[in-house]
Amino acid sequence: MTADGVAVTTRAGAVRAGAAILTVSTAVLAGDALRLPSGADPWREAAAALPLGRNEKVFLEIGRDTAFEPDTHAYSNLHDSRSASYSIRPNGWPVIEAFLGGDGARIVEEEGPAAGFAHVSAELVALFGSDVASAVRPLAATSWSRMASIGGAYSCALPGRSQARARLAQPFEDRLFFAGEATHPHDFTTAHGAHDSGRRAADEAIAALSGRRLLGRQGPLAAGARAVG
C-alpha cells in the first residue's frame, strides 16, 4: 500500500494506482505466492475457508462420421466416482467434451493428459461400442489443479464457513478490492457469478476513488457537511 493508493510489484517493475481489484483464485490468495499488505490476514483466512474443488475437462476430436447426434449428453457409470459426463458434438462441432470431477479429475491431475484420454476413451467404448475407439482422438485437456496460477477448479466453502464469501468480498482499506466467483453470495462456482462480482468490485473502487477526489477538492469538513446535508 502507498500513501495515496496501491503499488503492485511484478517482475517487469512496479505499477501504481489509486486502487486495485484482486481476482486470483482462493488457492493463490490463501497461499504464499502473493505478498499482501500487513493486516490482510482475515482475507487470506477467508480464502482458506473456500478451497478449490477438483475438476478437469478432456476434449476428443471425432475423426470420422459416427452415429453421434449433435448436442447430446451422456453419463458413464454413475456408481463410479471416476466416471465423466459427456457433451457430444456441442453446436454440431466434431468434438466430445468429457467433464471429470473428484477421483476422475485426479487421474488427469496426477497421471497426466494421456491417462485422462485413455480413461474417457474406455468409458466411451463401454457406452457406445468398440467402433468409437477408432473414431475419436485426443484433442486437448485442462490442467487447472496443476497450474500454480489457479490451483484447482471453483470454490467450495468448508462446512459451516459459507460466511467467508462475504468476508472475502469486503474491501481492504478502500484501496484493495476483491472479485471472483468465490466472493459471490449466491452465484459462486459460476462464470456469471464471477462476472457480476467483477462489476461489483469495480463499482466499489470507482465509488472509493470518487469519494477520495471529492475529499481532496473540498477538504474533510466540506465533504462531511455535504454528506450530512
Foldseek 3Di string as FASTA:
>chain_A
DDPQFDWDQDPVGIDTDNAEEDEFALVLLLDDPDDDDPPCVLLSVLSVQWDAFAKKKWKKFFADDDPDDAQDKDWFPPVDLLTWIWGQCYVPHRMIMTMGGDPVSVQCQPVHRVSNVVVVQVRVCVVPNDVSNVRIDTDDMDHQCPDSRHNHAWIDGDVPSLCSLCVNQDADVLHYGYAYLSNQSPRRRDPVSRVVRVVVRVVSNVVSVVLVVVCVVPNPVVSVVVVVD
